[in-house]
C-alpha atoms as a PDB file:
ATOM      1  CA  UNK A   1      81.976  94.342  98.983  1.00  0.00           C
ATOM      2  CA  UNK A   2      83.675  91.444  97.377  1.00  0.00           C
ATOM      3  CA  UNK A   3      83.856  89.990  94.009  1.00  0.00           C
ATOM      4  CA  UNK A   4      84.210  86.446  92.746  1.00  0.00           C
ATOM      5  CA  UNK A   5      83.647  84.396  89.949  1.00  0.00           C
ATOM      6  CA  UNK A   6      84.130  80.303  88.769  1.00  0.00           C
ATOM      7  CA  UNK A   7      86.385  79.479  86.311  1.00  0.00           C
ATOM      8  CA  UNK A   8      88.286  76.773  84.723  1.00  0.00           C
ATOM      9  CA  UNK A   9      92.322  76.640  84.268  1.00  0.00           C
ATOM     10  CA  UNK A  10      93.175  76.608  80.791  1.00  0.00           C
ATOM     11  CA  UNK A  11      96.895  76.242  81.193  1.00  0.00           C
ATOM     12  CA  UNK A  12      99.887  78.848  81.201  1.00  0.00           C
ATOM     13  CA  UNK A  13     101.758  81.012  78.778  1.00  0.00           C
ATOM     14  CA  UNK A  14     103.247  84.347  78.648  1.00  0.00           C
ATOM     15  CA  UNK A  15     102.772  87.870  77.416  1.00  0.00           C
ATOM     16  CA  UNK A  16     104.969  90.718  77.035  1.00  0.00           C
ATOM     17  CA  UNK A  17     104.410  93.972  78.583  1.00  0.00           C
ATOM     18  CA  UNK A  18     104.879  97.746  76.978  1.00  0.00           C
ATOM     19  CA  UNK A  19     108.529  97.854  78.601  1.00  0.00           C
ATOM     20  CA  UNK A  20     109.428  94.789  76.946  1.00  0.00           C
ATOM     21  CA  UNK A  21     109.485  92.749  79.877  1.00  0.00           C
ATOM     22  CA  UNK A  22     108.243  89.058  79.864  1.00  0.00           C
ATOM     23  CA  UNK A  23     105.343  88.260  82.209  1.00  0.00           C
ATOM     24  CA  UNK A  24     104.582  84.492  83.006  1.00  0.00           C
ATOM     25  CA  UNK A  25     100.227  84.307  83.230  1.00  0.00           C
ATOM     26  CA  UNK A  26      97.970  81.744  83.812  1.00  0.00           C
ATOM     27  CA  UNK A  27      94.799  82.102  81.400  1.00  0.00           C
ATOM     28  CA  UNK A  28      91.440  81.213  83.379  1.00  0.00           C
ATOM     29  CA  UNK A  29      88.420  80.717  81.436  1.00  0.00           C
ATOM     30  CA  UNK A  30      86.428  82.671  83.877  1.00  0.00           C
ATOM     31  CA  UNK A  31      81.755  82.447  83.070  1.00  0.00           C
ATOM     32  CA  UNK A  32      79.848  83.503  82.248  1.00  0.00           C
ATOM     33  CA  UNK A  33      78.262  82.201  85.531  1.00  0.00           C
ATOM     34  CA  UNK A  34      74.325  82.283  86.202  1.00  0.00           C
ATOM     35  CA  UNK A  35      73.068  83.368  89.489  1.00  0.00           C
ATOM     36  CA  UNK A  36      70.691  80.333  90.549  1.00  0.00           C
ATOM     37  CA  UNK A  37      70.192  81.822  94.019  1.00  0.00           C
ATOM     38  CA  UNK A  38      70.457  85.308  96.080  1.00  0.00           C
ATOM     39  CA  UNK A  39      70.709  84.412  99.381  1.00  0.00           C
ATOM     40  CA  UNK A  40      69.838  87.646 101.978  1.00  0.00           C
ATOM     41  CA  UNK A  41      70.511  88.591 105.718  1.00  0.00           C
ATOM     42  CA  UNK A  42      66.316  88.434 106.075  1.00  0.00           C
ATOM     43  CA  UNK A  43      65.823  84.946 104.553  1.00  0.00           C
ATOM     44  CA  UNK A  44      69.242  83.038 105.838  1.00  0.00           C
ATOM     45  CA  UNK A  45      71.111  85.178 108.003  1.00  0.00           C
ATOM     46  CA  UNK A  46      73.765  85.944 105.634  1.00  0.00           C
ATOM     47  CA  UNK A  47      74.701  87.661 102.093  1.00  0.00           C
ATOM     48  CA  UNK A  48      76.019  85.141  99.449  1.00  0.00           C
ATOM     49  CA  UNK A  49      75.372  84.471  95.851  1.00  0.00           C
ATOM     50  CA  UNK A  50      74.719  81.102  94.391  1.00  0.00           C
ATOM     51  CA  UNK A  51      76.689  80.630  91.070  1.00  0.00           C
ATOM     52  CA  UNK A  52      76.334  78.230  88.323  1.00  0.00           C
ATOM     53  CA  UNK A  53      79.300  77.515  85.935  1.00  0.00           C
ATOM     54  CA  UNK A  54      79.691  75.090  82.795  1.00  0.00           C
ATOM     55  CA  UNK A  55      76.294  73.743  81.268  1.00  0.00           C
ATOM     56  CA  UNK A  56      75.457  70.224  81.889  1.00  0.00           C
ATOM     57  CA  UNK A  57      72.499  68.080  80.224  1.00  0.00           C
ATOM     58  CA  UNK A  58      69.521  67.413  82.413  1.00  0.00           C
ATOM     59  CA  UNK A  59      70.075  63.727  82.908  1.00  0.00           C
ATOM     60  CA  UNK A  60      73.279  63.848  84.424  1.00  0.00           C
ATOM     61  CA  UNK A  61      71.755  65.473  87.461  1.00  0.00           C
ATOM     62  CA  UNK A  62      70.070  64.881  90.720  1.00  0.00           C
ATOM     63  CA  UNK A  63      66.142  65.969  91.081  1.00  0.00           C
ATOM     64  CA  UNK A  64      67.007  68.303  94.084  1.00  0.00           C
ATOM     65  CA  UNK A  65      70.113  69.689  92.146  1.00  0.00           C
ATOM     66  CA  UNK A  66      67.689  69.847  88.676  1.00  0.00           C
ATOM     67  CA  UNK A  67      64.979  71.537  90.826  1.00  0.00           C
ATOM     68  CA  UNK A  68      67.230  74.608  92.081  1.00  0.00           C
ATOM     69  CA  UNK A  69      68.098  75.367  88.113  1.00  0.00           C
ATOM     70  CA  UNK A  70      64.401  75.114  87.250  1.00  0.00           C
ATOM     71  CA  UNK A  71      63.323  77.284  89.992  1.00  0.00           C
ATOM     72  CA  UNK A  72      65.852  79.904  89.222  1.00  0.00           C
ATOM     73  CA  UNK A  73      64.945  79.434  85.201  1.00  0.00           C
ATOM     74  CA  UNK A  74      68.680  79.040  84.552  1.00  0.00           C
ATOM     75  CA  UNK A  75      69.988  76.165  82.411  1.00  0.00           C
ATOM     76  CA  UNK A  76      71.812  73.177  84.659  1.00  0.00           C
ATOM     77  CA  UNK A  77      75.225  73.820  85.311  1.00  0.00           C
ATOM     78  CA  UNK A  78      77.781  71.231  85.950  1.00  0.00           C
ATOM     79  CA  UNK A  79      79.582  73.223  88.855  1.00  0.00           C
ATOM     80  CA  UNK A  80      77.402  75.108  91.717  1.00  0.00           C
ATOM     81  CA  UNK A  81      79.227  77.313  94.407  1.00  0.00           C
ATOM     82  CA  UNK A  82      78.215  79.987  96.954  1.00  0.00           C
ATOM     83  CA  UNK A  83      80.020  83.071  96.777  1.00  0.00           C
ATOM     84  CA  UNK A  84      79.633  85.029 100.096  1.00  0.00           C
ATOM     85  CA  UNK A  85      79.161  88.934 100.071  1.00  0.00           C
ATOM     86  CA  UNK A  86      78.649  89.704  96.977  1.00  0.00           C
ATOM     87  CA  UNK A  87      75.881  92.223  96.134  1.00  0.00           C
ATOM     88  CA  UNK A  88      74.368  93.758  92.955  1.00  0.00           C
ATOM     89  CA  UNK A  89      73.424  90.580  91.086  1.00  0.00           C
ATOM     90  CA  UNK A  90      69.656  89.303  90.818  1.00  0.00           C
ATOM     91  CA  UNK A  91      68.437  85.562  89.715  1.00  0.00           C
ATOM     92  CA  UNK A  92      69.643  84.919  85.944  1.00  0.00           C
ATOM     93  CA  UNK A  93      71.891  86.951  85.641  1.00  0.00           C
ATOM     94  CA  UNK A  94      75.239  86.265  84.556  1.00  0.00           C
ATOM     95  CA  UNK A  95      78.460  87.153  86.321  1.00  0.00           C
ATOM     96  CA  UNK A  96      80.959  87.694  83.592  1.00  0.00           C
ATOM     97  CA  UNK A  97      84.598  88.329  83.457  1.00  0.00           C
ATOM     98  CA  UNK A  98      84.375  91.959  83.059  1.00  0.00           C
ATOM     99  CA  UNK A  99      83.791  91.647  86.431  1.00  0.00           C
ATOM    100  CA  UNK A 100      87.622  91.968  87.086  1.00  0.00           C
ATOM    101  CA  UNK A 101      89.634  94.482  85.562  1.00  0.00           C
ATOM    102  CA  UNK A 102      93.750  94.578  84.563  1.00  0.00           C
ATOM    103  CA  UNK A 103      95.704  95.795  87.679  1.00  0.00           C
ATOM    104  CA  UNK A 104      93.372  94.558  90.590  1.00  0.00           C
ATOM    105  CA  UNK A 105      94.635  92.228  92.658  1.00  0.00           C
ATOM    106  CA  UNK A 106      93.011  88.658  93.571  1.00  0.00           C
ATOM    107  CA  UNK A 107      92.738  85.353  95.326  1.00  0.00           C
ATOM    108  CA  UNK A 108      92.502  82.096  93.553  1.00  0.00           C
ATOM    109  CA  UNK A 109      91.654  78.785  94.870  1.00  0.00           C
ATOM    110  CA  UNK A 110      91.294  75.713  93.836  1.00  0.00           C
ATOM    111  CA  UNK A 111      92.510  71.620  94.584  1.00  0.00           C
ATOM    112  CA  UNK A 112      95.824  71.361  94.045  1.00  0.00           C
ATOM    113  CA  UNK A 113      97.957  68.175  91.610  1.00  0.00           C
ATOM    114  CA  UNK A 114      97.830  64.858  93.164  1.00  0.00           C
ATOM    115  CA  UNK A 115     101.180  63.418  93.681  1.00  0.00           C
ATOM    116  CA  UNK A 116     100.050  60.181  94.793  1.00  0.00           C
ATOM    117  CA  UNK A 117     101.607  57.872  97.760  1.00  0.00           C
ATOM    118  CA  UNK A 118     104.843  59.683  98.039  1.00  0.00           C
ATOM    119  CA  UNK A 119     107.909  59.474 100.303  1.00  0.00           C
ATOM    120  CA  UNK A 120     109.355  62.398 102.872  1.00  0.00           C
ATOM    121  CA  UNK A 121     111.608  63.798 100.924  1.00  0.00           C
ATOM    122  CA  UNK A 122     108.938  64.849  97.884  1.00  0.00           C
ATOM    123  CA  UNK A 123     106.138  65.292 100.377  1.00  0.00           C
ATOM    124  CA  UNK A 124     107.892  67.088 103.053  1.00  0.00           C
ATOM    125  CA  UNK A 125     111.349  68.325 101.310  1.00  0.00           C
ATOM    126  CA  UNK A 126     113.250  66.174 103.872  1.00  0.00           C
ATOM    127  CA  UNK A 127     116.828  65.805 103.904  1.00  0.00           C
ATOM    128  CA  UNK A 128     118.526  62.247 102.165  1.00  0.00           C
ATOM    129  CA  UNK A 129     120.711  60.259 104.594  1.00  0.00           C
ATOM    130  CA  UNK A 130     124.083  59.901 104.382  1.00  0.00           C
ATOM    131  CA  UNK A 131     125.044  57.585 101.288  1.00  0.00           C
ATOM    132  CA  UNK A 132     128.700  56.284 103.050  1.00  0.00           C
ATOM    133  CA  UNK A 133     128.892  53.024 103.992  1.00  0.00           C
ATOM    134  CA  UNK A 134     127.077  51.550 106.860  1.00  0.00           C
ATOM    135  CA  UNK A 135     123.984  53.403 106.217  1.00  0.00           C
ATOM    136  CA  UNK A 136     122.265  50.739 104.380  1.00  0.00           C
ATOM    137  CA  UNK A 137     119.801  51.049 101.489  1.00  0.00           C
ATOM    138  CA  UNK A 138     117.623  53.764 103.527  1.00  0.00           C
ATOM    139  CA  UNK A 139     119.007  56.644 102.088  1.00  0.00           C
ATOM    140  CA  UNK A 140     115.402  58.284 101.007  1.00  0.00           C
ATOM    141  CA  UNK A 141     113.417  56.838 104.162  1.00  0.00           C
ATOM    142  CA  UNK A 142     112.258  59.046 106.836  1.00  0.00           C
ATOM    143  CA  UNK A 143     115.012  58.419 109.531  1.00  0.00           C
ATOM    144  CA  UNK A 144     114.682  58.005 113.398  1.00  0.00           C
ATOM    145  CA  UNK A 145     111.517  57.581 114.720  1.00  0.00           C
ATOM    146  CA  UNK A 146     111.750  58.965 118.389  1.00  0.00           C
ATOM    147  CA  UNK A 147     112.950  57.055 121.588  1.00  0.00           C
ATOM    148  CA  UNK A 148     113.371  53.541 122.249  1.00  0.00           C
ATOM    149  CA  UNK A 149     111.677  52.526 125.264  1.00  0.00           C
ATOM    150  CA  UNK A 150     109.615  55.600 126.407  1.00  0.00           C
ATOM    151  CA  UNK A 151     107.196  56.623 125.007  1.00  0.00           C
ATOM    152  CA  UNK A 152     107.235  53.107 123.178  1.00  0.00           C
ATOM    153  CA  UNK A 153     105.696  54.755 120.319  1.00  0.00           C
ATOM    154  CA  UNK A 154     105.704  57.251 117.212  1.00  0.00           C
ATOM    155  CA  UNK A 155     104.565  60.796 118.113  1.00  0.00           C
ATOM    156  CA  UNK A 156     101.386  61.680 116.520  1.00  0.00           C
ATOM    157  CA  UNK A 157     101.612  64.452 113.490  1.00  0.00           C
ATOM    158  CA  UNK A 158     105.440  63.318 112.640  1.00  0.00           C
ATOM    159  CA  UNK A 159     106.109  64.048 109.073  1.00  0.00           C
ATOM    160  CA  UNK A 160     105.992  60.413 107.410  1.00  0.00           C
ATOM    161  CA  UNK A 161     105.116  58.915 103.685  1.00  0.00           C
ATOM    162  CA  UNK A 162     101.921  59.060 102.350  1.00  0.00           C
ATOM    163  CA  UNK A 163      99.390  60.912 100.133  1.00  0.00           C
ATOM    164  CA  UNK A 164     100.528  64.213  98.736  1.00  0.00           C
ATOM    165  CA  UNK A 165      98.231  66.933  96.914  1.00  0.00           C
ATOM    166  CA  UNK A 166      94.624  67.122  96.106  1.00  0.00           C
ATOM    167  CA  UNK A 167      93.996  69.886  98.863  1.00  0.00           C
ATOM    168  CA  UNK A 168      92.152  73.117  98.902  1.00  0.00           C
ATOM    169  CA  UNK A 169      94.607  75.501  98.265  1.00  0.00           C
ATOM    170  CA  UNK A 170      94.604  79.425  98.223  1.00  0.00           C
ATOM    171  CA  UNK A 171      97.184  81.612  96.270  1.00  0.00           C
ATOM    172  CA  UNK A 172      96.364  85.027  97.818  1.00  0.00           C
ATOM    173  CA  UNK A 173      97.243  88.956  96.270  1.00  0.00           C
ATOM    174  CA  UNK A 174      97.645  87.837  92.499  1.00  0.00           C
ATOM    175  CA  UNK A 175      97.556  90.207  89.726  1.00  0.00           C
ATOM    176  CA  UNK A 176      95.115  90.701  86.881  1.00  0.00           C
ATOM    177  CA  UNK A 177      97.149  91.244  83.948  1.00  0.00           C
ATOM    178  CA  UNK A 178      94.758  91.393  81.327  1.00  0.00           C
ATOM    179  CA  UNK A 179      90.321  90.532  81.056  1.00  0.00           C
ATOM    180  CA  UNK A 180      89.450  89.398  77.525  1.00  0.00           C
ATOM    181  CA  UNK A 181      85.731  89.866  77.748  1.00  0.00           C
ATOM    182  CA  UNK A 182      84.939  88.084  74.394  1.00  0.00           C
ATOM    183  CA  UNK A 183      86.934  85.084  74.966  1.00  0.00           C
ATOM    184  CA  UNK A 184      85.394  84.764  78.817  1.00  0.00           C
ATOM    185  CA  UNK A 185      89.604  84.743  79.433  1.00  0.00           C
ATOM    186  CA  UNK A 186      91.369  86.321  82.642  1.00  0.00           C
ATOM    187  CA  UNK A 187      94.902  86.259  82.677  1.00  0.00           C
ATOM    188  CA  UNK A 188      96.590  86.506  85.875  1.00  0.00           C
ATOM    189  CA  UNK A 189     100.218  86.699  86.949  1.00  0.00           C
ATOM    190  CA  UNK A 190     102.251  83.975  88.424  1.00  0.00           C
ATOM    191  CA  UNK A 191     100.714  79.855  88.805  1.00  0.00           C
ATOM    192  CA  UNK A 192      97.446  78.911  90.676  1.00  0.00           C
ATOM    193  CA  UNK A 193      96.131  76.183  91.894  1.00  0.00           C
ATOM    194  CA  UNK A 194      95.550  72.572  90.096  1.00  0.00           C
ATOM    195  CA  UNK A 195      96.092  71.005  87.048  1.00  0.00           C
ATOM    196  CA  UNK A 196      94.861  72.407  83.586  1.00  0.00           C
ATOM    197  CA  UNK A 197      91.402  72.274  83.277  1.00  0.00           C
ATOM    198  CA  UNK A 198      90.652  72.160  86.800  1.00  0.00           C
ATOM    199  CA  UNK A 199      87.813  74.275  88.772  1.00  0.00           C
ATOM    200  CA  UNK A 200      89.026  77.435  90.356  1.00  0.00           C
ATOM    201  CA  UNK A 201      87.737  80.273  92.262  1.00  0.00           C
ATOM    202  CA  UNK A 202      88.631  83.863  91.623  1.00  0.00           C
ATOM    203  CA  UNK A 203      88.171  86.679  94.745  1.00  0.00           C
ATOM    204  CA  UNK A 204      88.958  90.215  95.348  1.00  0.00           C
ATOM    205  CA  UNK A 205      92.074  89.817  97.795  1.00  0.00           C
ATOM    206  CA  UNK A 206      91.551  89.675 101.365  1.00  0.00           C
ATOM    207  CA  UNK A 207      95.360  91.499 101.678  1.00  0.00           C
END
């Protein structure tokens, strides 16, 4: 059975292990996540839980969304996500940070930071052109675009400048260093996707 919880990235800090080593960690405010709906193979064709996160005002939700929470008897939430293959919970129960324990390994999914319109050096890690005489003021441009007369076009999927970031990213096999149940906090070793305050999903690792 897989486990998952929705959280909000608070930021990064560091803690000290028992042997004195410094461990960089990301603090995630994980849950409590009320169970809004339980999906089963018999009724829906697959097993899943629909979890909510962060309380919201009723006026900020649409009628269809509000109806789901009223049917479940749960307070309205800003975030609503579906988690596959998670059993052992009923509608109205809360999934809390103690779902995970220190030493477990998890996958963390989120939306990466947006960098706007960026050039090929920042977006694709390409090299600069030579900064010698004759190169011209194009030191950070992508360089040759390909052939001259045949095929007389730029091939698709060539690495060019454009929008960078704001993509769904999953970082796999991260270690849970500490779980603070009172503060609903999970400390994960290393960095996780997204800026501070962004929504992330913590799942049991697939590796």
